N, C-alpha and C. Protein backbone atom coordinates (compact mmCIF):
# COMPACT_ATOMS: atom_id res chain seq x y z
N PHE A 1 30.78 -85.19 -43.68
CA PHE A 1 30.93 -86.54 -44.18
C PHE A 1 32.01 -86.60 -45.26
N THR A 2 32.10 -85.55 -46.06
CA THR A 2 33.06 -85.52 -47.15
C THR A 2 34.48 -85.74 -46.67
N TYR A 3 34.82 -85.17 -45.51
CA TYR A 3 36.19 -85.25 -45.00
C TYR A 3 36.31 -86.18 -43.80
N ARG A 4 35.48 -87.21 -43.74
CA ARG A 4 35.42 -88.09 -42.58
C ARG A 4 36.73 -88.86 -42.35
N ARG A 5 37.56 -88.99 -43.36
CA ARG A 5 38.83 -89.70 -43.20
C ARG A 5 39.89 -88.84 -42.51
N PHE A 6 39.60 -87.57 -42.36
CA PHE A 6 40.53 -86.64 -41.73
C PHE A 6 39.98 -86.23 -40.37
N GLY A 7 40.84 -85.74 -39.53
CA GLY A 7 40.37 -85.12 -38.31
C GLY A 7 39.69 -83.80 -38.66
N LEU A 8 38.83 -83.34 -37.77
CA LEU A 8 38.08 -82.11 -38.04
C LEU A 8 39.00 -80.92 -38.26
N LEU A 9 40.05 -80.79 -37.46
CA LEU A 9 40.93 -79.62 -37.62
C LEU A 9 41.60 -79.62 -38.99
N ASP A 10 41.96 -80.80 -39.52
CA ASP A 10 42.53 -80.87 -40.87
C ASP A 10 41.46 -80.59 -41.92
N ALA A 11 40.26 -81.07 -41.69
CA ALA A 11 39.16 -80.83 -42.64
C ALA A 11 38.87 -79.34 -42.76
N LEU A 12 39.00 -78.60 -41.66
CA LEU A 12 38.75 -77.15 -41.72
C LEU A 12 39.67 -76.48 -42.73
N ASP A 13 40.93 -76.90 -42.78
CA ASP A 13 41.87 -76.34 -43.76
C ASP A 13 41.40 -76.63 -45.18
N LYS A 14 40.94 -77.84 -45.42
CA LYS A 14 40.49 -78.23 -46.76
C LYS A 14 39.24 -77.45 -47.17
N VAL A 15 38.32 -77.29 -46.24
CA VAL A 15 37.09 -76.54 -46.52
C VAL A 15 37.42 -75.08 -46.83
N ALA A 16 38.28 -74.48 -46.02
CA ALA A 16 38.67 -73.08 -46.23
C ALA A 16 39.40 -72.91 -47.56
N ALA A 17 40.25 -73.88 -47.93
CA ALA A 17 40.99 -73.80 -49.18
C ALA A 17 40.06 -73.82 -50.39
N LEU A 18 38.90 -74.41 -50.24
CA LEU A 18 37.91 -74.43 -51.32
C LEU A 18 37.12 -73.12 -51.40
N GLY A 19 37.32 -72.25 -50.43
CA GLY A 19 36.59 -70.99 -50.42
C GLY A 19 35.24 -71.08 -49.75
N LEU A 20 34.96 -72.21 -49.13
CA LEU A 20 33.69 -72.36 -48.42
C LEU A 20 33.77 -71.62 -47.09
N ARG A 21 32.64 -71.25 -46.54
CA ARG A 21 32.62 -70.49 -45.30
C ARG A 21 31.83 -71.18 -44.19
N HIS A 22 31.18 -72.30 -44.52
CA HIS A 22 30.36 -72.99 -43.54
C HIS A 22 30.62 -74.49 -43.62
N ILE A 23 30.53 -75.15 -42.48
CA ILE A 23 30.71 -76.59 -42.43
C ILE A 23 29.79 -77.16 -41.36
N GLU A 24 29.16 -78.27 -41.68
CA GLU A 24 28.40 -79.00 -40.67
C GLU A 24 29.33 -80.07 -40.12
N ILE A 25 29.48 -80.09 -38.81
CA ILE A 25 30.34 -81.11 -38.23
C ILE A 25 29.48 -82.28 -37.75
N ARG A 26 30.09 -83.43 -37.68
CA ARG A 26 29.45 -84.64 -37.18
C ARG A 26 30.09 -84.97 -35.84
N SER A 27 29.29 -85.23 -34.85
CA SER A 27 29.80 -85.39 -33.49
C SER A 27 30.66 -86.64 -33.29
N ASN A 28 30.67 -87.56 -34.24
CA ASN A 28 31.51 -88.74 -34.07
C ASN A 28 32.85 -88.62 -34.78
N VAL A 29 33.14 -87.47 -35.38
CA VAL A 29 34.39 -87.25 -36.10
C VAL A 29 35.51 -86.94 -35.09
N LYS A 30 36.66 -87.55 -35.31
CA LYS A 30 37.79 -87.27 -34.41
C LYS A 30 38.25 -85.83 -34.61
N LEU A 31 38.78 -85.25 -33.55
CA LEU A 31 39.24 -83.87 -33.61
C LEU A 31 40.46 -83.75 -34.51
N ASP A 32 41.46 -84.60 -34.31
CA ASP A 32 42.65 -84.61 -35.16
C ASP A 32 43.38 -85.93 -34.99
N SER A 33 44.42 -86.14 -35.79
CA SER A 33 45.15 -87.42 -35.75
C SER A 33 45.99 -87.57 -34.49
N GLN A 34 46.37 -86.46 -33.86
CA GLN A 34 47.17 -86.54 -32.63
C GLN A 34 46.34 -86.96 -31.43
N ARG A 35 45.03 -86.77 -31.51
CA ARG A 35 44.13 -87.12 -30.41
C ARG A 35 42.97 -87.95 -30.96
N PRO A 36 43.26 -89.18 -31.42
CA PRO A 36 42.25 -89.98 -32.11
C PRO A 36 41.04 -90.35 -31.25
N GLY A 37 41.18 -90.34 -29.95
CA GLY A 37 40.05 -90.66 -29.07
C GLY A 37 39.17 -89.48 -28.76
N MET A 38 39.59 -88.29 -29.15
CA MET A 38 38.83 -87.08 -28.86
C MET A 38 37.90 -86.78 -30.03
N ARG A 39 36.61 -86.69 -29.75
CA ARG A 39 35.60 -86.46 -30.79
C ARG A 39 35.06 -85.04 -30.70
N ALA A 40 34.59 -84.53 -31.82
CA ALA A 40 34.03 -83.18 -31.90
C ALA A 40 32.59 -83.21 -31.42
N ASN A 41 32.42 -83.44 -30.12
CA ASN A 41 31.08 -83.53 -29.57
C ASN A 41 31.00 -82.86 -28.20
N GLU A 42 29.90 -83.10 -27.51
CA GLU A 42 29.63 -82.45 -26.22
C GLU A 42 30.63 -82.84 -25.14
N ASP A 43 31.44 -83.87 -25.35
CA ASP A 43 32.46 -84.28 -24.38
C ASP A 43 33.81 -83.62 -24.64
N LEU A 44 33.89 -82.81 -25.66
CA LEU A 44 35.15 -82.15 -26.01
C LEU A 44 35.60 -81.25 -24.86
N PRO A 45 36.82 -81.43 -24.36
CA PRO A 45 37.29 -80.60 -23.25
C PRO A 45 37.35 -79.12 -23.61
N ALA A 46 37.29 -78.28 -22.60
CA ALA A 46 37.25 -76.82 -22.80
C ALA A 46 38.43 -76.32 -23.63
N ALA A 47 39.62 -76.80 -23.37
CA ALA A 47 40.80 -76.34 -24.12
C ALA A 47 40.67 -76.70 -25.60
N ALA A 48 40.19 -77.88 -25.89
CA ALA A 48 40.01 -78.30 -27.28
C ALA A 48 38.89 -77.50 -27.95
N ARG A 49 37.87 -77.14 -27.19
CA ARG A 49 36.79 -76.30 -27.74
C ARG A 49 37.35 -74.93 -28.12
N ARG A 50 38.17 -74.38 -27.24
CA ARG A 50 38.79 -73.07 -27.55
C ARG A 50 39.65 -73.17 -28.80
N GLU A 51 40.40 -74.26 -28.91
CA GLU A 51 41.24 -74.47 -30.10
C GLU A 51 40.38 -74.57 -31.35
N LEU A 52 39.30 -75.32 -31.28
CA LEU A 52 38.40 -75.47 -32.43
C LEU A 52 37.81 -74.11 -32.82
N LYS A 53 37.33 -73.37 -31.86
CA LYS A 53 36.74 -72.05 -32.17
C LYS A 53 37.78 -71.10 -32.74
N ALA A 54 39.01 -71.16 -32.25
CA ALA A 54 40.08 -70.30 -32.79
C ALA A 54 40.38 -70.67 -34.24
N ARG A 55 40.45 -71.97 -34.51
CA ARG A 55 40.73 -72.42 -35.89
C ARG A 55 39.61 -71.99 -36.84
N LEU A 56 38.38 -72.10 -36.37
CA LEU A 56 37.25 -71.65 -37.18
C LEU A 56 37.38 -70.16 -37.49
N ALA A 57 37.65 -69.37 -36.47
CA ALA A 57 37.76 -67.92 -36.64
C ALA A 57 38.92 -67.57 -37.57
N GLU A 58 40.07 -68.23 -37.41
CA GLU A 58 41.23 -67.95 -38.25
C GLU A 58 40.95 -68.21 -39.73
N ARG A 59 40.08 -69.16 -40.00
CA ARG A 59 39.77 -69.54 -41.38
C ARG A 59 38.48 -68.90 -41.90
N GLY A 60 37.84 -68.10 -41.06
CA GLY A 60 36.60 -67.44 -41.47
C GLY A 60 35.46 -68.41 -41.67
N LEU A 61 35.45 -69.50 -40.89
CA LEU A 61 34.42 -70.53 -41.03
C LEU A 61 33.41 -70.46 -39.90
N SER A 62 32.19 -70.89 -40.21
CA SER A 62 31.17 -71.02 -39.18
C SER A 62 30.56 -72.41 -39.25
N ILE A 63 29.92 -72.79 -38.16
CA ILE A 63 29.25 -74.08 -38.06
C ILE A 63 27.76 -73.80 -37.87
N PRO A 64 27.00 -73.73 -38.96
CA PRO A 64 25.57 -73.45 -38.82
C PRO A 64 24.78 -74.62 -38.25
N SER A 65 25.33 -75.84 -38.39
CA SER A 65 24.62 -77.01 -37.86
C SER A 65 25.62 -78.07 -37.41
N VAL A 66 25.15 -78.88 -36.47
CA VAL A 66 25.94 -80.00 -35.96
C VAL A 66 25.09 -81.25 -36.11
N PHE A 67 25.66 -82.29 -36.72
CA PHE A 67 24.99 -83.59 -36.78
C PHE A 67 25.38 -84.32 -35.50
N ALA A 68 24.45 -84.39 -34.58
CA ALA A 68 24.71 -84.93 -33.24
C ALA A 68 24.18 -86.34 -33.09
N ASP A 69 24.83 -87.09 -32.24
CA ASP A 69 24.40 -88.44 -31.91
C ASP A 69 23.83 -88.43 -30.49
N PHE A 70 22.53 -88.55 -30.38
CA PHE A 70 21.87 -88.61 -29.07
C PHE A 70 21.84 -90.05 -28.58
N ASN A 71 22.12 -90.24 -27.29
CA ASN A 71 22.11 -91.60 -26.74
C ASN A 71 20.89 -91.87 -25.86
N GLY A 72 20.01 -90.89 -25.71
CA GLY A 72 18.82 -91.06 -24.90
C GLY A 72 18.95 -90.56 -23.47
N SER A 73 20.15 -90.20 -23.07
CA SER A 73 20.39 -89.70 -21.71
C SER A 73 19.96 -88.24 -21.60
N PRO A 74 19.19 -87.89 -20.56
CA PRO A 74 18.77 -86.49 -20.39
C PRO A 74 19.96 -85.54 -20.26
N ASP A 75 20.96 -85.94 -19.51
CA ASP A 75 22.14 -85.10 -19.32
C ASP A 75 22.88 -84.90 -20.64
N GLN A 76 23.01 -85.95 -21.41
CA GLN A 76 23.73 -85.86 -22.68
C GLN A 76 22.99 -84.95 -23.65
N ALA A 77 21.67 -85.04 -23.70
CA ALA A 77 20.89 -84.21 -24.62
C ALA A 77 21.12 -82.73 -24.32
N LYS A 78 21.09 -82.35 -23.06
CA LYS A 78 21.32 -80.95 -22.69
C LYS A 78 22.74 -80.52 -23.06
N ARG A 79 23.71 -81.39 -22.83
CA ARG A 79 25.10 -81.06 -23.18
C ARG A 79 25.28 -80.91 -24.69
N VAL A 80 24.52 -81.68 -25.48
CA VAL A 80 24.56 -81.54 -26.94
C VAL A 80 24.12 -80.13 -27.34
N PHE A 81 23.00 -79.69 -26.78
CA PHE A 81 22.50 -78.35 -27.11
C PHE A 81 23.46 -77.26 -26.64
N GLU A 82 24.04 -77.43 -25.47
CA GLU A 82 25.02 -76.45 -24.98
C GLU A 82 26.23 -76.39 -25.89
N PHE A 83 26.73 -77.55 -26.33
CA PHE A 83 27.87 -77.61 -27.23
C PHE A 83 27.55 -76.92 -28.55
N CYS A 84 26.39 -77.21 -29.11
CA CYS A 84 25.99 -76.59 -30.38
C CYS A 84 25.89 -75.08 -30.23
N GLN A 85 25.29 -74.64 -29.15
CA GLN A 85 25.15 -73.20 -28.90
C GLN A 85 26.53 -72.54 -28.76
N GLU A 86 27.42 -73.18 -28.04
CA GLU A 86 28.77 -72.62 -27.85
C GLU A 86 29.50 -72.45 -29.18
N LEU A 87 29.28 -73.37 -30.12
CA LEU A 87 29.93 -73.28 -31.43
C LEU A 87 29.22 -72.32 -32.39
N GLY A 88 28.08 -71.78 -31.95
CA GLY A 88 27.34 -70.86 -32.80
C GLY A 88 26.41 -71.55 -33.77
N ALA A 89 26.21 -72.85 -33.59
CA ALA A 89 25.29 -73.58 -34.48
C ALA A 89 23.86 -73.10 -34.26
N GLU A 90 23.10 -73.11 -35.31
CA GLU A 90 21.70 -72.69 -35.25
C GLU A 90 20.75 -73.87 -35.32
N ILE A 91 21.25 -75.03 -35.77
CA ILE A 91 20.40 -76.21 -35.99
C ILE A 91 21.13 -77.45 -35.51
N VAL A 92 20.39 -78.34 -34.86
CA VAL A 92 20.90 -79.66 -34.50
C VAL A 92 20.28 -80.65 -35.49
N VAL A 93 21.13 -81.41 -36.15
CA VAL A 93 20.68 -82.45 -37.07
C VAL A 93 20.92 -83.78 -36.37
N ALA A 94 19.95 -84.68 -36.40
CA ALA A 94 20.11 -85.93 -35.66
C ALA A 94 19.08 -86.96 -36.06
N GLU A 95 19.27 -88.15 -35.50
CA GLU A 95 18.32 -89.25 -35.60
C GLU A 95 18.13 -89.79 -34.18
N PRO A 96 17.51 -88.99 -33.31
CA PRO A 96 17.44 -89.36 -31.89
C PRO A 96 16.50 -90.53 -31.62
N PRO A 97 16.73 -91.20 -30.51
CA PRO A 97 15.81 -92.27 -30.11
C PRO A 97 14.41 -91.70 -29.90
N ALA A 98 13.40 -92.45 -30.31
CA ALA A 98 12.01 -91.97 -30.23
C ALA A 98 11.61 -91.55 -28.82
N GLU A 99 12.10 -92.26 -27.81
CA GLU A 99 11.71 -91.96 -26.44
C GLU A 99 12.31 -90.65 -25.90
N SER A 100 13.20 -90.03 -26.65
CA SER A 100 13.83 -88.80 -26.17
C SER A 100 13.19 -87.52 -26.72
N PHE A 101 12.12 -87.64 -27.53
CA PHE A 101 11.56 -86.46 -28.18
C PHE A 101 10.94 -85.45 -27.23
N ASP A 102 10.30 -85.87 -26.18
CA ASP A 102 9.73 -84.90 -25.24
C ASP A 102 10.84 -84.02 -24.66
N ARG A 103 11.92 -84.65 -24.24
CA ARG A 103 13.06 -83.92 -23.67
C ARG A 103 13.71 -83.01 -24.71
N ILE A 104 13.93 -83.55 -25.91
CA ILE A 104 14.57 -82.76 -26.97
C ILE A 104 13.68 -81.60 -27.38
N GLU A 105 12.38 -81.81 -27.43
CA GLU A 105 11.46 -80.72 -27.77
C GLU A 105 11.59 -79.57 -26.77
N ARG A 106 11.68 -79.90 -25.49
CA ARG A 106 11.86 -78.85 -24.47
C ARG A 106 13.19 -78.13 -24.66
N LEU A 107 14.23 -78.87 -25.00
CA LEU A 107 15.54 -78.25 -25.23
C LEU A 107 15.53 -77.37 -26.49
N CYS A 108 14.80 -77.78 -27.51
CA CYS A 108 14.66 -76.95 -28.72
C CYS A 108 14.07 -75.60 -28.34
N GLU A 109 13.07 -75.62 -27.49
CA GLU A 109 12.43 -74.37 -27.05
C GLU A 109 13.37 -73.57 -26.15
N GLU A 110 13.99 -74.23 -25.20
CA GLU A 110 14.89 -73.55 -24.25
C GLU A 110 16.05 -72.86 -24.98
N TYR A 111 16.65 -73.56 -25.94
CA TYR A 111 17.82 -73.02 -26.65
C TYR A 111 17.42 -72.29 -27.94
N ARG A 112 16.12 -72.29 -28.25
CA ARG A 112 15.62 -71.65 -29.46
C ARG A 112 16.39 -72.16 -30.69
N MET A 113 16.52 -73.50 -30.72
CA MET A 113 17.31 -74.15 -31.75
C MET A 113 16.51 -75.32 -32.34
N PRO A 114 16.31 -75.34 -33.63
CA PRO A 114 15.55 -76.43 -34.24
C PRO A 114 16.31 -77.76 -34.26
N LEU A 115 15.55 -78.82 -34.31
CA LEU A 115 16.08 -80.16 -34.53
C LEU A 115 15.61 -80.60 -35.91
N ALA A 116 16.55 -80.98 -36.77
CA ALA A 116 16.25 -81.46 -38.11
C ALA A 116 16.51 -82.96 -38.15
N LEU A 117 15.46 -83.73 -38.37
CA LEU A 117 15.58 -85.20 -38.41
C LEU A 117 16.18 -85.63 -39.74
N HIS A 118 17.31 -86.29 -39.66
CA HIS A 118 17.97 -86.76 -40.87
C HIS A 118 17.39 -88.11 -41.29
N ASN A 119 17.41 -88.33 -42.59
CA ASN A 119 16.84 -89.55 -43.15
C ASN A 119 17.90 -90.41 -43.83
N HIS A 120 18.69 -91.13 -43.02
CA HIS A 120 19.56 -92.11 -43.67
C HIS A 120 18.68 -93.17 -44.33
N GLN A 121 19.27 -94.00 -45.14
CA GLN A 121 18.49 -94.93 -45.95
C GLN A 121 17.75 -95.98 -45.14
N LYS A 122 16.79 -96.59 -45.80
CA LYS A 122 15.98 -97.66 -45.21
C LYS A 122 16.90 -98.75 -44.67
N GLY A 123 16.61 -99.19 -43.47
CA GLY A 123 17.44 -100.20 -42.82
C GLY A 123 18.51 -99.60 -41.92
N GLN A 124 18.80 -98.32 -42.10
CA GLN A 124 19.80 -97.64 -41.28
C GLN A 124 19.19 -96.57 -40.39
N SER A 125 18.00 -96.14 -40.69
CA SER A 125 17.39 -95.04 -39.96
C SER A 125 15.90 -95.29 -39.75
N GLN A 126 15.45 -94.96 -38.57
CA GLN A 126 14.00 -95.05 -38.32
C GLN A 126 13.24 -93.90 -38.97
N TYR A 127 13.96 -92.92 -39.52
CA TYR A 127 13.34 -91.75 -40.15
C TYR A 127 13.58 -91.74 -41.66
N TRP A 128 13.72 -92.91 -42.27
CA TRP A 128 14.10 -93.00 -43.67
C TRP A 128 13.01 -92.53 -44.62
N SER A 129 11.75 -92.52 -44.19
CA SER A 129 10.68 -92.10 -45.10
C SER A 129 9.97 -90.84 -44.58
N PRO A 130 9.41 -90.05 -45.48
CA PRO A 130 8.69 -88.84 -45.06
C PRO A 130 7.55 -89.15 -44.08
N GLU A 131 6.89 -90.28 -44.26
CA GLU A 131 5.77 -90.62 -43.37
C GLU A 131 6.25 -90.76 -41.93
N GLN A 132 7.41 -91.34 -41.74
CA GLN A 132 7.95 -91.52 -40.39
C GLN A 132 8.34 -90.17 -39.78
N VAL A 133 8.91 -89.31 -40.58
CA VAL A 133 9.27 -87.97 -40.09
C VAL A 133 8.01 -87.20 -39.72
N LEU A 134 7.02 -87.24 -40.59
CA LEU A 134 5.76 -86.54 -40.31
C LEU A 134 5.10 -87.07 -39.04
N ALA A 135 5.15 -88.36 -38.83
CA ALA A 135 4.54 -88.95 -37.63
C ALA A 135 5.24 -88.45 -36.37
N VAL A 136 6.55 -88.34 -36.40
CA VAL A 136 7.30 -87.86 -35.24
C VAL A 136 7.03 -86.37 -35.00
N CYS A 137 6.87 -85.62 -36.07
CA CYS A 137 6.67 -84.17 -35.96
C CYS A 137 5.24 -83.79 -35.58
N ARG A 138 4.31 -84.69 -35.78
CA ARG A 138 2.90 -84.41 -35.50
C ARG A 138 2.72 -84.00 -34.04
N ASN A 139 2.04 -82.88 -33.83
CA ASN A 139 1.76 -82.35 -32.49
C ASN A 139 3.02 -81.95 -31.72
N ARG A 140 4.07 -81.63 -32.43
CA ARG A 140 5.32 -81.18 -31.82
C ARG A 140 5.55 -79.71 -32.16
N SER A 141 6.54 -79.15 -31.52
CA SER A 141 6.96 -77.78 -31.78
C SER A 141 7.33 -77.61 -33.25
N ARG A 142 7.15 -76.40 -33.75
CA ARG A 142 7.58 -76.09 -35.12
C ARG A 142 9.10 -76.14 -35.24
N ARG A 143 9.78 -76.25 -34.12
CA ARG A 143 11.24 -76.35 -34.14
C ARG A 143 11.74 -77.76 -34.46
N ILE A 144 10.83 -78.71 -34.62
CA ILE A 144 11.21 -80.07 -34.98
C ILE A 144 10.72 -80.34 -36.40
N GLY A 145 11.67 -80.66 -37.29
CA GLY A 145 11.32 -80.86 -38.69
C GLY A 145 12.28 -81.83 -39.37
N ALA A 146 12.43 -81.68 -40.65
CA ALA A 146 13.19 -82.63 -41.46
C ALA A 146 14.49 -82.03 -41.99
N CYS A 147 15.49 -82.88 -42.10
CA CYS A 147 16.73 -82.59 -42.82
C CYS A 147 16.67 -83.52 -44.03
N CYS A 148 16.27 -82.98 -45.15
CA CYS A 148 15.96 -83.79 -46.32
C CYS A 148 17.21 -84.14 -47.13
N ASP A 149 17.52 -85.41 -47.19
CA ASP A 149 18.66 -85.90 -47.96
C ASP A 149 18.12 -86.70 -49.14
N GLY A 150 18.05 -86.04 -50.29
CA GLY A 150 17.50 -86.67 -51.48
C GLY A 150 18.26 -87.91 -51.91
N GLY A 151 19.56 -87.92 -51.70
CA GLY A 151 20.36 -89.08 -52.05
C GLY A 151 19.98 -90.30 -51.23
N GLN A 152 19.71 -90.08 -49.95
CA GLN A 152 19.29 -91.20 -49.09
C GLN A 152 17.91 -91.71 -49.49
N TRP A 153 17.01 -90.79 -49.84
CA TRP A 153 15.70 -91.24 -50.31
C TRP A 153 15.85 -92.10 -51.56
N ALA A 154 16.66 -91.65 -52.50
CA ALA A 154 16.87 -92.41 -53.74
C ALA A 154 17.45 -93.79 -53.42
N ARG A 155 18.40 -93.87 -52.48
CA ARG A 155 18.98 -95.15 -52.07
C ARG A 155 17.93 -96.07 -51.46
N SER A 156 16.89 -95.46 -50.89
CA SER A 156 15.80 -96.24 -50.27
C SER A 156 14.70 -96.58 -51.25
N GLY A 157 14.87 -96.20 -52.52
CA GLY A 157 13.86 -96.51 -53.53
C GLY A 157 12.71 -95.53 -53.56
N LEU A 158 12.89 -94.36 -52.95
CA LEU A 158 11.84 -93.34 -52.92
C LEU A 158 12.15 -92.25 -53.95
N ASP A 159 11.11 -91.57 -54.39
CA ASP A 159 11.25 -90.44 -55.32
C ASP A 159 11.50 -89.18 -54.48
N PRO A 160 12.69 -88.59 -54.55
CA PRO A 160 13.01 -87.42 -53.73
C PRO A 160 12.05 -86.24 -53.92
N VAL A 161 11.58 -86.02 -55.14
CA VAL A 161 10.66 -84.90 -55.39
C VAL A 161 9.33 -85.16 -54.67
N GLU A 162 8.85 -86.37 -54.75
CA GLU A 162 7.60 -86.72 -54.06
C GLU A 162 7.79 -86.63 -52.54
N CYS A 163 8.93 -87.04 -52.07
CA CYS A 163 9.21 -86.94 -50.62
C CYS A 163 9.18 -85.48 -50.17
N LEU A 164 9.75 -84.59 -50.94
CA LEU A 164 9.71 -83.17 -50.60
C LEU A 164 8.27 -82.65 -50.60
N ARG A 165 7.48 -83.09 -51.56
CA ARG A 165 6.07 -82.68 -51.60
C ARG A 165 5.35 -83.13 -50.33
N GLN A 166 5.62 -84.34 -49.89
CA GLN A 166 4.97 -84.86 -48.69
C GLN A 166 5.35 -84.03 -47.46
N LEU A 167 6.57 -83.59 -47.38
CA LEU A 167 7.06 -82.86 -46.20
C LEU A 167 6.78 -81.36 -46.28
N GLN A 168 6.30 -80.91 -47.39
CA GLN A 168 6.05 -79.50 -47.65
C GLN A 168 5.52 -78.80 -46.41
């Protein structure tokens, strides 16, 4: 999110220049300014994926997580997990449609990759409060949990410390 005004390939240079070694990418971010319609997501062509992985390797960067946008399509959900796995990501961060959880839970198990529910602020996310996250996680795989954003909780008028206690 910090470098959202830049293409991902340019952002990698900025992250590496800071001495950081890890970056979470967002699937709606453009790859670069020369290809503004190309996004860093499951639709990224093979050649562009190779280029992205080469740039990551050249800069000593890894992608431990991907913030993915699920559209509810079974085919798209599987391609998201395949894309994340190909990039070496260990966690998928998302705010998926409620009706897709059975499918996503199976993919979490198949790919041995957790799903972390992000909590954008109230009015922007159906997972804005700990109670909503807990309700979705109830009776689900241990691979489905929370991506706790204290700033978003504060924007929603919630106490971040209390929210963490609830999700403990």
